[in-house]
């Protein structure tokens, strides 16, 4: 079992920045792909970013490309999401997820999830 705990969410003004962290514990495996998803009220969960086990491959949703950066520190079993130039439409609960297979954009391809952290961007 792998447990994921997200942190770093909060309230920020439009144009501001936040860094989310996702700490893994339990039967961690640095060979796993990690991803970030988000879910706004009344909307489906959507893909944000993913990173391969080595960190050498990253992929972003078009809506965050150029503003968000995903990274990982396997020594600390932690994945990060640096979010810059935040917009009101970025408001959502952000979830960290892990997959035993390669990078993917579908939530169905991820095997374990954190509980989420709220990000609210005021305009």
PDB file of N, CA and C in Angstrom:
ATOM      1  N   UNK A   1       0.827  -1.196   0.000  1.00  0.00           N
ATOM      2  CA  UNK A   1       0.000   0.000   0.000  1.00  0.00           C
ATOM      3  C   UNK A   1       0.862   1.247   0.000  1.00  0.00           C
ATOM      4  N   UNK A   2       0.517   2.205  -0.833  1.00  0.00           N
ATOM      5  CA  UNK A   2       1.198   3.493  -0.879  1.00  0.00           C
ATOM      6  C   UNK A   2       0.203   4.559  -0.444  1.00  0.00           C
ATOM      7  N   UNK A   3       0.642   5.422   0.439  1.00  0.00           N
ATOM      8  CA  UNK A   3      -0.187   6.534   0.862  1.00  0.00           C
ATOM      9  C   UNK A   3       0.393   7.827   0.312  1.00  0.00           C
ATOM     10  N   UNK A   4      -0.477   8.681  -0.199  1.00  0.00           N
ATOM     11  CA  UNK A   4      -0.076   9.977  -0.730  1.00  0.00           C
ATOM     12  C   UNK A   4      -0.757  11.077   0.068  1.00  0.00           C
ATOM     13  N   UNK A   5       0.019  12.075   0.452  1.00  0.00           N
ATOM     14  CA  UNK A   5      -0.522  13.206   1.194  1.00  0.00           C
ATOM     15  C   UNK A   5      -0.108  14.490   0.498  1.00  0.00           C
ATOM     16  N   UNK A   6      -1.103  15.252   0.038  1.00  0.00           N
ATOM     17  CA  UNK A   6      -0.832  16.526  -0.621  1.00  0.00           C
ATOM     18  C   UNK A   6      -0.805  17.653   0.400  1.00  0.00           C
ATOM     19  N   UNK A   7      -0.044  18.680   0.091  1.00  0.00           N
ATOM     20  CA  UNK A   7      -0.004  19.875   0.934  1.00  0.00           C
ATOM     21  C   UNK A   7       0.356  21.065   0.064  1.00  0.00           C
ATOM     22  N   UNK A   8       0.181  22.262   0.632  1.00  0.00           N
ATOM     23  CA  UNK A   8       0.587  23.473  -0.079  1.00  0.00           C
ATOM     24  C   UNK A   8      -0.551  24.255  -0.698  1.00  0.00           C
ATOM     25  N   UNK A   9      -1.752  23.717  -0.637  1.00  0.00           N
ATOM     26  CA  UNK A   9      -2.884  24.450  -1.186  1.00  0.00           C
ATOM     27  C   UNK A   9      -3.221  25.660  -0.334  1.00  0.00           C
ATOM     28  N   UNK A  10      -4.118  26.506  -0.862  1.00  0.00           N
ATOM     29  CA  UNK A  10      -4.527  27.684  -0.109  1.00  0.00           C
ATOM     30  C   UNK A  10      -5.209  28.692  -0.998  1.00  0.00           C
ATOM     31  N   UNK A  11      -5.324  29.890  -0.474  1.00  0.00           N
ATOM     32  CA  UNK A  11      -5.963  31.003  -1.191  1.00  0.00           C
ATOM     33  C   UNK A  11      -4.885  31.928  -1.722  1.00  0.00           C
ATOM     34  N   UNK A  12      -4.975  32.274  -2.995  1.00  0.00           N
ATOM     35  CA  UNK A  12      -3.984  33.146  -3.612  1.00  0.00           C
ATOM     36  C   UNK A  12      -4.691  34.057  -4.608  1.00  0.00           C
ATOM     37  N   UNK A  13      -4.145  35.233  -4.807  1.00  0.00           N
ATOM     38  CA  UNK A  13      -4.725  36.155  -5.781  1.00  0.00           C
ATOM     39  C   UNK A  13      -4.316  35.749  -7.196  1.00  0.00           C
ATOM     40  N   UNK A  14      -5.133  36.122  -8.144  1.00  0.00           N
ATOM     41  CA  UNK A  14      -4.811  35.858  -9.547  1.00  0.00           C
ATOM     42  C   UNK A  14      -3.449  36.466  -9.886  1.00  0.00           C
ATOM     43  N   UNK A  15      -2.658  35.710 -10.620  1.00  0.00           N
ATOM     44  CA  UNK A  15      -1.310  36.143 -10.956  1.00  0.00           C
ATOM     45  C   UNK A  15      -0.259  35.646  -9.978  1.00  0.00           C
ATOM     46  N   UNK A  16      -0.707  35.107  -8.852  1.00  0.00           N
ATOM     47  CA  UNK A  16       0.215  34.627  -7.838  1.00  0.00           C
ATOM     48  C   UNK A  16       0.691  33.218  -8.098  1.00  0.00           C
ATOM     49  N   UNK A  17       1.440  32.680  -7.124  1.00  0.00           N
ATOM     50  CA  UNK A  17       2.047  31.354  -7.248  1.00  0.00           C
ATOM     51  C   UNK A  17       1.792  30.520  -6.010  1.00  0.00           C
ATOM     52  N   UNK A  18       1.779  29.217  -6.213  1.00  0.00           N
ATOM     53  CA  UNK A  18       1.723  28.237  -5.127  1.00  0.00           C
ATOM     54  C   UNK A  18       2.548  27.031  -5.544  1.00  0.00           C
ATOM     55  N   UNK A  19       3.104  26.351  -4.556  1.00  0.00           N
ATOM     56  CA  UNK A  19       3.762  25.075  -4.833  1.00  0.00           C
ATOM     57  C   UNK A  19       3.081  23.986  -4.027  1.00  0.00           C
ATOM     58  N   UNK A  20       2.559  23.002  -4.717  1.00  0.00           N
ATOM     59  CA  UNK A  20       1.967  21.840  -4.072  1.00  0.00           C
ATOM     60  C   UNK A  20       3.022  20.753  -3.907  1.00  0.00           C
ATOM     61  N   UNK A  21       2.900  20.011  -2.820  1.00  0.00           N
ATOM     62  CA  UNK A  21       3.775  18.868  -2.576  1.00  0.00           C
ATOM     63  C   UNK A  21       2.924  17.631  -2.380  1.00  0.00           C
ATOM     64  N   UNK A  22       3.485  16.496  -2.738  1.00  0.00           N
ATOM     65  CA  UNK A  22       2.809  15.216  -2.566  1.00  0.00           C
ATOM     66  C   UNK A  22       3.838  14.242  -1.997  1.00  0.00           C
ATOM     67  N   UNK A  23       3.657  13.894  -0.738  1.00  0.00           N
ATOM     68  CA  UNK A  23       4.596  12.999  -0.071  1.00  0.00           C
ATOM     69  C   UNK A  23       4.050  11.581  -0.075  1.00  0.00           C
ATOM     70  N   UNK A  24       4.878  10.641  -0.499  1.00  0.00           N
ATOM     71  CA  UNK A  24       4.483   9.239  -0.540  1.00  0.00           C
ATOM     72  C   UNK A  24       5.106   8.479   0.615  1.00  0.00           C
ATOM     73  N   UNK A  25       4.336   7.564   1.171  1.00  0.00           N
ATOM     74  CA  UNK A  25       4.844   6.705   2.235  1.00  0.00           C
ATOM     75  C   UNK A  25       4.286   5.307   2.048  1.00  0.00           C
ATOM     76  N   UNK A  26       4.819   4.366   2.806  1.00  0.00           N
ATOM     77  CA  UNK A  26       4.382   2.981   2.666  1.00  0.00           C
ATOM     78  C   UNK A  26       5.258   2.262   1.668  1.00  0.00           C
ATOM     79  N   UNK A  27       4.669   1.426   0.852  1.00  0.00           N
ATOM     80  CA  UNK A  27       5.416   0.632  -0.128  1.00  0.00           C
ATOM     81  C   UNK A  27       5.687   1.468  -1.377  1.00  0.00           C
ATOM     82  N   UNK A  28       6.509   2.500  -1.174  1.00  0.00           N
ATOM     83  CA  UNK A  28       6.789   3.397  -2.282  1.00  0.00           C
ATOM     84  C   UNK A  28       7.717   2.740  -3.296  1.00  0.00           C
ATOM     85  N   UNK A  29       7.614   3.208  -4.509  1.00  0.00           N
ATOM     86  CA  UNK A  29       8.447   2.689  -5.590  1.00  0.00           C
ATOM     87  C   UNK A  29       8.727   3.850  -6.526  1.00  0.00           C
ATOM     88  N   UNK A  30      10.003   4.270  -6.559  1.00  0.00           N
ATOM     89  CA  UNK A  30      10.337   5.435  -7.369  1.00  0.00           C
ATOM     90  C   UNK A  30      10.204   5.166  -8.850  1.00  0.00           C
ATOM     91  N   UNK A  31       9.943   3.917  -9.250  1.00  0.00           N
ATOM     92  CA  UNK A  31       9.775   3.627 -10.669  1.00  0.00           C
ATOM     93  C   UNK A  31       8.374   3.982 -11.158  1.00  0.00           C
ATOM     94  N   UNK A  32       7.515   4.418 -10.257  1.00  0.00           N
ATOM     95  CA  UNK A  32       6.143   4.729 -10.629  1.00  0.00           C
ATOM     96  C   UNK A  32       6.039   6.102 -11.264  1.00  0.00           C
ATOM     97  N   UNK A  33       5.165   6.203 -12.252  1.00  0.00           N
ATOM     98  CA  UNK A  33       4.782   7.489 -12.803  1.00  0.00           C
ATOM     99  C   UNK A  33       3.931   8.226 -11.779  1.00  0.00           C
ATOM    100  N   UNK A  34       4.082   9.540 -11.707  1.00  0.00           N
ATOM    101  CA  UNK A  34       3.264  10.349 -10.812  1.00  0.00           C
ATOM    102  C   UNK A  34       2.535  11.411 -11.612  1.00  0.00           C
ATOM    103  N   UNK A  35       1.362  11.791 -11.137  1.00  0.00           N
ATOM    104  CA  UNK A  35       0.587  12.794 -11.849  1.00  0.00           C
ATOM    105  C   UNK A  35      -0.194  13.684 -10.908  1.00  0.00           C
ATOM    106  N   UNK A  36      -0.625  14.794 -11.440  1.00  0.00           N
ATOM    107  CA  UNK A  36      -1.515  15.704 -10.733  1.00  0.00           C
ATOM    108  C   UNK A  36      -2.794  15.850 -11.552  1.00  0.00           C
ATOM    109  N   UNK A  37      -3.906  15.812 -10.846  1.00  0.00           N
ATOM    110  CA  UNK A  37      -5.219  16.045 -11.438  1.00  0.00           C
ATOM    111  C   UNK A  37      -5.921  17.114 -10.617  1.00  0.00           C
ATOM    112  N   UNK A  38      -7.010  17.647 -11.133  1.00  0.00           N
ATOM    113  CA  UNK A  38      -7.782  18.617 -10.361  1.00  0.00           C
ATOM    114  C   UNK A  38      -9.271  18.451 -10.674  1.00  0.00           C
ATOM    115  N   UNK A  39     -10.071  18.879  -9.716  1.00  0.00           N
ATOM    116  CA  UNK A  39     -11.513  18.799  -9.884  1.00  0.00           C
ATOM    117  C   UNK A  39     -12.158  20.047  -9.305  1.00  0.00           C
ATOM    118  N   UNK A  40     -12.802  20.794 -10.183  1.00  0.00           N
ATOM    119  CA  UNK A  40     -13.528  21.991  -9.774  1.00  0.00           C
ATOM    120  C   UNK A  40     -14.967  21.607  -9.445  1.00  0.00           C
ATOM    121  N   UNK A  41     -15.659  22.416  -8.648  1.00  0.00           N
ATOM    122  CA  UNK A  41     -17.043  22.109  -8.284  1.00  0.00           C
ATOM    123  C   UNK A  41     -17.922  21.919  -9.517  1.00  0.00           C
ATOM    124  N   UNK A  42     -18.651  20.816  -9.542  1.00  0.00           N
ATOM    125  CA  UNK A  42     -19.565  20.550 -10.642  1.00  0.00           C
ATOM    126  C   UNK A  42     -18.918  20.063 -11.910  1.00  0.00           C
ATOM    127  N   UNK A  43     -17.613  19.831 -11.864  1.00  0.00           N
ATOM    128  CA  UNK A  43     -16.898  19.383 -13.065  1.00  0.00           C
ATOM    129  C   UNK A  43     -16.216  18.043 -12.813  1.00  0.00           C
ATOM    130  N   UNK A  44     -15.860  17.366 -13.893  1.00  0.00           N
ATOM    131  CA  UNK A  44     -15.162  16.105 -13.776  1.00  0.00           C
ATOM    132  C   UNK A  44     -13.688  16.347 -13.429  1.00  0.00           C
ATOM    133  N   UNK A  45     -13.089  15.309 -12.853  1.00  0.00           N
ATOM    134  CA  UNK A  45     -11.665  15.388 -12.564  1.00  0.00           C
ATOM    135  C   UNK A  45     -10.896  15.463 -13.876  1.00  0.00           C
ATOM    136  N   UNK A  46      -9.922  16.368 -13.952  1.00  0.00           N
ATOM    137  CA  UNK A  46      -9.178  16.537 -15.181  1.00  0.00           C
ATOM    138  C   UNK A  46      -7.671  16.439 -14.949  1.00  0.00           C
ATOM    139  N   UNK A  47      -6.999  15.972 -15.972  1.00  0.00           N
ATOM    140  CA  UNK A  47      -5.548  15.826 -15.941  1.00  0.00           C
ATOM    141  C   UNK A  47      -4.873  17.198 -15.913  1.00  0.00           C
ATOM    142  N   UNK A  48      -3.784  17.296 -15.139  1.00  0.00           N
ATOM    143  CA  UNK A  48      -3.003  18.530 -15.084  1.00  0.00           C
ATOM    144  C   UNK A  48      -1.587  18.291 -15.606  1.00  0.00           C
ATOM    145  N   UNK A  49      -0.892  17.320 -15.014  1.00  0.00           N
ATOM    146  CA  UNK A  49       0.501  17.080 -15.391  1.00  0.00           C
ATOM    147  C   UNK A  49       0.924  15.684 -14.954  1.00  0.00           C
ATOM    148  N   UNK A  50       1.942  15.138 -15.630  1.00  0.00           N
ATOM    149  CA  UNK A  50       2.482  13.848 -15.248  1.00  0.00           C
ATOM    150  C   UNK A  50       3.982  13.853 -15.428  1.00  0.00           C
ATOM    151  N   UNK A  51       4.664  12.978 -14.685  1.00  0.00           N
ATOM    152  CA  UNK A  51       6.117  12.903 -14.741  1.00  0.00           C
ATOM    153  C   UNK A  51       6.534  11.442 -14.641  1.00  0.00           C
ATOM    154  N   UNK A  52       7.509  11.059 -15.455  1.00  0.00           N
ATOM    155  CA  UNK A  52       8.004   9.688 -15.433  1.00  0.00           C
ATOM    156  C   UNK A  52       8.841   9.438 -14.193  1.00  0.00           C
ATOM    157  N   UNK A  53       9.193   8.168 -13.980  1.00  0.00           N
ATOM    158  CA  UNK A  53       9.908   7.808 -12.761  1.00  0.00           C
ATOM    159  C   UNK A  53      11.239   8.528 -12.657  1.00  0.00           C
ATOM    160  N   UNK A  54      11.910   8.763 -13.774  1.00  0.00           N
ATOM    161  CA  UNK A  54      13.227   9.422 -13.735  1.00  0.00           C
ATOM    162  C   UNK A  54      13.117  10.931 -13.736  1.00  0.00           C
ATOM    163  N   UNK A  55      11.928  11.433 -14.035  1.00  0.00           N
ATOM    164  CA  UNK A  55      11.754  12.874 -14.178  1.00  0.00           C
ATOM    165  C   UNK A  55      12.094  13.373 -15.563  1.00  0.00           C
ATOM    166  N   UNK A  56      12.518  12.462 -16.431  1.00  0.00           N
ATOM    167  CA  UNK A  56      12.959  12.873 -17.759  1.00  0.00           C
ATOM    168  C   UNK A  56      11.843  13.148 -18.737  1.00  0.00           C
ATOM    169  N   UNK A  57      10.663  12.653 -18.417  1.00  0.00           N
ATOM    170  CA  UNK A  57       9.502  12.870 -19.292  1.00  0.00           C
ATOM    171  C   UNK A  57       8.409  13.557 -18.486  1.00  0.00           C
ATOM    172  N   UNK A  58       7.965  14.688 -18.989  1.00  0.00           N
ATOM    173  CA  UNK A  58       6.846  15.394 -18.381  1.00  0.00           C
ATOM    174  C   UNK A  58       5.842  15.737 -19.468  1.00  0.00           C
ATOM    175  N   UNK A  59       4.607  15.876 -19.062  1.00  0.00           N
ATOM    176  CA  UNK A  59       3.544  16.222 -20.013  1.00  0.00           C
ATOM    177  C   UNK A  59       2.491  17.018 -19.271  1.00  0.00           C
ATOM    178  N   UNK A  60       1.952  18.045 -19.959  1.00  0.00           N
ATOM    179  CA  UNK A  60       1.024  18.959 -19.311  1.00  0.00           C
ATOM    180  C   UNK A  60      -0.267  19.108 -20.109  1.00  0.00           C
ATOM    181  N   UNK A  61      -1.316  19.416 -19.393  1.00  0.00           N
ATOM    182  CA  UNK A  61      -2.548  19.822 -20.068  1.00  0.00           C
ATOM    183  C   UNK A  61      -2.304  21.178 -20.723  1.00  0.00           C
ATOM    184  N   UNK A  62      -2.950  21.407 -21.845  1.00  0.00           N
ATOM    185  CA  UNK A  62      -2.760  22.673 -22.559  1.00  0.00           C
ATOM    186  C   UNK A  62      -3.109  23.873 -21.687  1.00  0.00           C
ATOM    187  N   UNK A  63      -4.060  23.705 -20.801  1.00  0.00           N
ATOM    188  CA  UNK A  63      -4.543  24.810 -19.986  1.00  0.00           C
ATOM    189  C   UNK A  63      -3.506  25.295 -18.973  1.00  0.00           C
ATOM    190  N   UNK A  64      -2.494  24.469 -18.680  1.00  0.00           N
ATOM    191  CA  UNK A  64      -1.491  24.858 -17.673  1.00  0.00           C
ATOM    192  C   UNK A  64      -0.086  24.932 -18.254  1.00  0.00           C
ATOM    193  N   UNK A  65       0.075  24.540 -19.497  1.00  0.00           N
ATOM    194  CA  UNK A  65       1.399  24.509 -20.116  1.00  0.00           C
ATOM    195  C   UNK A  65       2.018  25.902 -20.099  1.00  0.00           C
ATOM    196  N   UNK A  66       3.277  25.957 -19.659  1.00  0.00           N
ATOM    197  CA  UNK A  66       3.972  27.235 -19.580  1.00  0.00           C
ATOM    198  C   UNK A  66       3.772  27.960 -18.263  1.00  0.00           C
ATOM    199  N   UNK A  67       2.808  27.501 -17.458  1.00  0.00           N
ATOM    200  CA  UNK A  67       2.564  28.131 -16.160  1.00  0.00           C
ATOM    201  C   UNK A  67       2.872  27.184 -15.006  1.00  0.00           C
ATOM    202  N   UNK A  68       2.642  25.908 -15.187  1.00  0.00           N
ATOM    203  CA  UNK A  68       2.853  24.906 -14.138  1.00  0.00           C
ATOM    204  C   UNK A  68       4.081  24.064 -14.477  1.00  0.00           C
ATOM    205  N   UNK A  69       4.770  23.612 -13.426  1.00  0.00           N
ATOM    206  CA  UNK A  69       5.916  22.728 -13.598  1.00  0.00           C
ATOM    207  C   UNK A  69       5.830  21.578 -12.601  1.00  0.00           C
ATOM    208  N   UNK A  70       5.884  20.355 -13.118  1.00  0.00           N
ATOM    209  CA  UNK A  70       5.891  19.179 -12.251  1.00  0.00           C
ATOM    210  C   UNK A  70       7.325  18.701 -12.095  1.00  0.00           C
ATOM    211  N   UNK A  71       7.671  18.264 -10.890  1.00  0.00           N
ATOM    212  CA  UNK A  71       9.015  17.739 -10.632  1.00  0.00           C
ATOM    213  C   UNK A  71       8.918  16.700  -9.525  1.00  0.00           C
ATOM    214  N   UNK A  72       9.979  15.964  -9.324  1.00  0.00           N
ATOM    215  CA  UNK A  72       9.984  14.950  -8.266  1.00  0.00           C
ATOM    216  C   UNK A  72      11.370  14.813  -7.673  1.00  0.00           C
ATOM    217  N   UNK A  73      11.397  14.418  -6.407  1.00  0.00           N
ATOM    218  CA  UNK A  73      12.620  14.120  -5.691  1.00  0.00           C
ATOM    219  C   UNK A  73      12.456  12.709  -5.151  1.00  0.00           C
ATOM    220  N   UNK A  74      13.005  11.741  -5.851  1.00  0.00           N
ATOM    221  CA  UNK A  74      12.807  10.341  -5.459  1.00  0.00           C
ATOM    222  C   UNK A  74      13.461  10.019  -4.124  1.00  0.00           C
ATOM    223  N   UNK A  75      14.511  10.747  -3.778  1.00  0.00           N
ATOM    224  CA  UNK A  75      15.144  10.529  -2.479  1.00  0.00           C
ATOM    225  C   UNK A  75      14.239  10.908  -1.325  1.00  0.00           C
ATOM    226  N   UNK A  76      13.339  11.842  -1.585  1.00  0.00           N
ATOM    227  CA  UNK A  76      12.404  12.291  -0.560  1.00  0.00           C
ATOM    228  C   UNK A  76      11.002  11.722  -0.790  1.00  0.00           C
ATOM    229  N   UNK A  77      10.848  10.892  -1.827  1.00  0.00           N
ATOM    230  CA  UNK A  77       9.522  10.334  -2.162  1.00  0.00           C
ATOM    231  C   UNK A  77       8.473  11.432  -2.274  1.00  0.00           C
ATOM    232  N   UNK A  78       8.829  12.506  -2.936  1.00  0.00           N
ATOM    233  CA  UNK A  78       7.939  13.667  -3.023  1.00  0.00           C
ATOM    234  C   UNK A  78       7.848  14.163  -4.464  1.00  0.00           C
ATOM    235  N   UNK A  79       6.641  14.529  -4.846  1.00  0.00           N
ATOM    236  CA  UNK A  79       6.377  15.136  -6.142  1.00  0.00           C
ATOM    237  C   UNK A  79       5.861  16.553  -5.906  1.00  0.00           C
ATOM    238  N   UNK A  80       6.243  17.453  -6.779  1.00  0.00           N
ATOM    239  CA  UNK A  80       5.873  18.856  -6.615  1.00  0.00           C
ATOM    240  C   UNK A  80       5.099  19.350  -7.837  1.00  0.00           C
ATOM    241  N   UNK A  81       4.286  20.361  -7.606  1.00  0.00           N
ATOM    242  CA  UNK A  81       3.639  21.067  -8.702  1.00  0.00           C
ATOM    243  C   UNK A  81       3.784  22.562  -8.421  1.00  0.00           C
ATOM    244  N   UNK A  82       4.683  23.192  -9.160  1.00  0.00           N
ATOM    245  CA  UNK A  82       4.863  24.637  -9.048  1.00  0.00           C
ATOM    246  C   UNK A  82       3.858  25.305  -9.972  1.00  0.00           C
ATOM    247  N   UNK A  83       3.030  26.159  -9.413  1.00  0.00           N
ATOM    248  CA  UNK A  83       1.972  26.813 -10.178  1.00  0.00           C
ATOM    249  C   UNK A  83       2.199  28.317 -10.163  1.00  0.00           C
ATOM    250  N   UNK A  84       2.441  28.882 -11.327  1.00  0.00           N
ATOM    251  CA  UNK A  84       2.671  30.314 -11.478  1.00  0.00           C
ATOM    252  C   UNK A  84       1.568  30.937 -12.323  1.00  0.00           C
ATOM    253  N   UNK A  85       1.472  32.239 -12.260  1.00  0.00           N
ATOM    254  CA  UNK A  85       0.482  32.984 -13.054  1.00  0.00           C
ATOM    255  C   UNK A  85      -0.905  32.365 -12.898  1.00  0.00           C
ATOM    256  N   UNK A  86      -1.292  32.143 -11.677  1.00  0.00           N
ATOM    257  CA  UNK A  86      -2.561  31.458 -11.414  1.00  0.00           C
ATOM    258  C   UNK A  86      -3.752  32.291 -11.865  1.00  0.00           C
ATOM    259  N   UNK A  87      -4.770  31.586 -12.340  1.00  0.00           N
ATOM    260  CA  UNK A  87      -5.996  32.210 -12.822  1.00  0.00           C
ATOM    261  C   UNK A  87      -7.176  31.692 -11.990  1.00  0.00           C
ATOM    262  N   UNK A  88      -8.276  32.401 -12.034  1.00  0.00           N
ATOM    263  CA  UNK A  88      -9.449  31.981 -11.272  1.00  0.00           C
ATOM    264  C   UNK A  88      -9.918  30.594 -11.721  1.00  0.00           C
ATOM    265  N   UNK A  89      -9.724  30.283 -12.991  1.00  0.00           N
ATOM    266  CA  UNK A  89     -10.158  28.982 -13.497  1.00  0.00           C
ATOM    267  C   UNK A  89      -9.273  27.831 -13.024  1.00  0.00           C
ATOM    268  N   UNK A  90      -8.180  28.143 -12.322  1.00  0.00           N
ATOM    269  CA  UNK A  90      -7.349  27.098 -11.723  1.00  0.00           C
ATOM    270  C   UNK A  90      -7.903  26.650 -10.369  1.00  0.00           C
ATOM    271  N   UNK A  91      -8.919  27.331  -9.884  1.00  0.00           N
ATOM    272  CA  UNK A  91      -9.523  26.966  -8.607  1.00  0.00           C
ATOM    273  C   UNK A  91     -10.097  25.558  -8.676  1.00  0.00           C
ATOM    274  N   UNK A  92      -9.656  24.699  -7.756  1.00  0.00           N
ATOM    275  CA  UNK A  92     -10.071  23.303  -7.757  1.00  0.00           C
ATOM    276  C   UNK A  92      -9.425  22.593  -6.577  1.00  0.00           C
ATOM    277  N   UNK A  93      -9.868  21.369  -6.353  1.00  0.00           N
ATOM    278  CA  UNK A  93      -9.140  20.474  -5.457  1.00  0.00           C
ATOM    279  C   UNK A  93      -8.116  19.738  -6.319  1.00  0.00           C
ATOM    280  N   UNK A  94      -6.864  19.774  -5.886  1.00  0.00           N
ATOM    281  CA  UNK A  94      -5.779  19.153  -6.637  1.00  0.00           C
ATOM    282  C   UNK A  94      -5.407  17.832  -5.989  1.00  0.00           C
ATOM    283  N   UNK A  95      -5.320  16.804  -6.827  1.00  0.00           N
ATOM    284  CA  UNK A  95      -5.024  15.455  -6.369  1.00  0.00           C
ATOM    285  C   UNK A  95      -3.709  14.960  -6.965  1.00  0.00           C
ATOM    286  N   UNK A  96      -2.944  14.298  -6.144  1.00  0.00           N
ATOM    287  CA  UNK A  96      -1.746  13.611  -6.571  1.00  0.00           C
ATOM    288  C   UNK A  96      -2.098  12.141  -6.787  1.00  0.00           C
ATOM    289  N   UNK A  97      -1.482  11.511  -7.780  1.00  0.00           N
ATOM    290  CA  UNK A  97      -1.779  10.112  -8.067  1.00  0.00           C
ATOM    291  C   UNK A  97      -0.529   9.406  -8.556  1.00  0.00           C
ATOM    292  N   UNK A  98      -0.496   8.087  -8.358  1.00  0.00           N
ATOM    293  CA  UNK A  98       0.640   7.288  -8.800  1.00  0.00           C
ATOM    294  C   UNK A  98       0.189   6.149  -9.696  1.00  0.00           C
ATOM    295  N   UNK A  99       1.016   5.804 -10.659  1.00  0.00           N
ATOM    296  CA  UNK A  99       0.690   4.732 -11.599  1.00  0.00           C
ATOM    297  C   UNK A  99       1.868   3.781 -11.728  1.00  0.00           C
ATOM    298  N   UNK A 100       1.568   2.503 -11.761  1.00  0.00           N
ATOM    299  CA  UNK A 100       2.627   1.492 -11.903  1.00  0.00           C
ATOM    300  C   UNK A 100       3.094   1.381 -13.349  1.00  0.00           C
ATOM    301  N   UNK A 101       2.346   1.956 -14.252  1.00  0.00           N
ATOM    302  CA  UNK A 101       2.710   1.919 -15.673  1.00  0.00           C
ATOM    303  C   UNK A 101       3.239   3.281 -16.092  1.00  0.00           C
ATOM    304  N   UNK A 102       3.453   3.464 -17.386  1.00  0.00           N
ATOM    305  CA  UNK A 102       4.050   4.684 -17.904  1.00  0.00           C
ATOM    306  C   UNK A 102       3.155   5.894 -17.781  1.00  0.00           C
ATOM    307  N   UNK A 103       3.682   7.069 -18.112  1.00  0.00           N
ATOM    308  CA  UNK A 103       2.912   8.314 -18.002  1.00  0.00           C
ATOM    309  C   UNK A 103       1.606   8.223 -18.770  1.00  0.00           C
ATOM    310  N   UNK A 104       0.553   8.790 -18.173  1.00  0.00           N
ATOM    311  CA  UNK A 104      -0.752   8.788 -18.827  1.00  0.00           C
ATOM    312  C   UNK A 104      -1.546  10.005 -18.432  1.00  0.00           C
ATOM    313  N   UNK A 105      -2.571  10.311 -19.221  1.00  0.00           N
ATOM    314  CA  UNK A 105      -3.414  11.469 -18.953  1.00  0.00           C
ATOM    315  C   UNK A 105      -4.788  11.061 -18.446  1.00  0.00           C
ATOM    316  N   UNK A 106      -5.067   9.775 -18.436  1.00  0.00           N
ATOM    317  CA  UNK A 106      -6.364   9.306 -17.968  1.00  0.00           C
ATOM    318  C   UNK A 106      -6.298   8.946 -16.500  1.00  0.00           C
ATOM    319  N   UNK A 107      -7.306   9.394 -15.752  1.00  0.00           N
ATOM    320  CA  UNK A 107      -7.361   9.064 -14.331  1.00  0.00           C
ATOM    321  C   UNK A 107      -7.428   7.553 -14.124  1.00  0.00           C
ATOM    322  N   UNK A 108      -8.012   6.855 -15.066  1.00  0.00           N
ATOM    323  CA  UNK A 108      -8.171   5.405 -14.951  1.00  0.00           C
ATOM    324  C   UNK A 108      -6.839   4.666 -14.964  1.00  0.00           C
ATOM    325  N   UNK A 109      -5.792   5.306 -15.465  1.00  0.00           N
ATOM    326  CA  UNK A 109      -4.501   4.637 -15.536  1.00  0.00           C
ATOM    327  C   UNK A 109      -3.672   4.799 -14.268  1.00  0.00           C
ATOM    328  N   UNK A 110      -4.208   5.478 -13.270  1.00  0.00           N
ATOM    329  CA  UNK A 110      -3.509   5.679 -12.005  1.00  0.00           C
ATOM    330  C   UNK A 110      -4.086   4.744 -10.945  1.00  0.00           C
ATOM    331  N   UNK A 111      -3.177   4.220 -10.138  1.00  0.00           N
ATOM    332  CA  UNK A 111      -3.534   3.148  -9.213  1.00  0.00           C
ATOM    333  C   UNK A 111      -3.825   3.607  -7.788  1.00  0.00           C
ATOM    334  N   UNK A 112      -3.274   4.708  -7.358  1.00  0.00           N
ATOM    335  CA  UNK A 112      -3.506   5.184  -5.998  1.00  0.00           C
ATOM    336  C   UNK A 112      -3.513   6.703  -5.991  1.00  0.00           C
ATOM    337  N   UNK A 113      -4.277   7.242  -5.044  1.00  0.00           N
ATOM    338  CA  UNK A 113      -4.566   8.663  -5.002  1.00  0.00           C
ATOM    339  C   UNK A 113      -4.429   9.237  -3.597  1.00  0.00           C
ATOM    340  N   UNK A 114      -4.111  10.537  -3.557  1.00  0.00           N
ATOM    341  CA  UNK A 114      -4.160  11.260  -2.301  1.00  0.00           C
ATOM    342  C   UNK A 114      -5.562  11.798  -2.059  1.00  0.00           C
ATOM    343  N   UNK A 115      -5.729  12.475  -0.931  1.00  0.00           N
ATOM    344  CA  UNK A 115      -7.047  12.997  -0.551  1.00  0.00           C
ATOM    345  C   UNK A 115      -7.335  14.359  -1.166  1.00  0.00           C
ATOM    346  N   UNK A 116      -6.323  15.024  -1.673  1.00  0.00           N
ATOM    347  CA  UNK A 116      -6.524  16.303  -2.330  1.00  0.00           C
ATOM    348  C   UNK A 116      -6.222  17.501  -1.448  1.00  0.00           C
ATOM    349  N   UNK A 117      -5.905  18.613  -2.087  1.00  0.00           N
ATOM    350  CA  UNK A 117      -5.673  19.876  -1.398  1.00  0.00           C
ATOM    351  C   UNK A 117      -6.364  20.981  -2.190  1.00  0.00           C
ATOM    352  N   UNK A 118      -7.040  21.871  -1.475  1.00  0.00           N
ATOM    353  CA  UNK A 118      -7.831  22.910  -2.131  1.00  0.00           C
ATOM    354  C   UNK A 118      -6.949  24.073  -2.558  1.00  0.00           C
ATOM    355  N   UNK A 119      -7.118  24.501  -3.793  1.00  0.00           N
ATOM    356  CA  UNK A 119      -6.482  25.713  -4.305  1.00  0.00           C
ATOM    357  C   UNK A 119      -7.591  26.665  -4.742  1.00  0.00           C
ATOM    358  N   UNK A 120      -7.571  27.856  -4.184  1.00  0.00           N
ATOM    359  CA  UNK A 120      -8.567  28.865  -4.538  1.00  0.00           C
ATOM    360  C   UNK A 120      -7.853  30.111  -5.023  1.00  0.00           C
ATOM    361  N   UNK A 121      -8.197  30.546  -6.229  1.00  0.00           N
ATOM    362  CA  UNK A 121      -7.579  31.719  -6.831  1.00  0.00           C
ATOM    363  C   UNK A 121      -8.635  32.808  -6.922  1.00  0.00           C
ATOM    364  N   UNK A 122      -8.384  33.908  -6.246  1.00  0.00           N
ATOM    365  CA  UNK A 122      -9.338  35.011  -6.253  1.00  0.00           C
ATOM    366  C   UNK A 122      -8.978  35.996  -7.357  1.00  0.00           C
ATOM    367  N   UNK A 123     -10.004  36.498  -8.013  1.00  0.00           N
ATOM    368  CA  UNK A 123      -9.767  37.430  -9.130  1.00  0.00           C
ATOM    369  C   UNK A 123      -9.867  38.865  -8.666  1.00  0.00           C
TER     370      UNK A 123
END
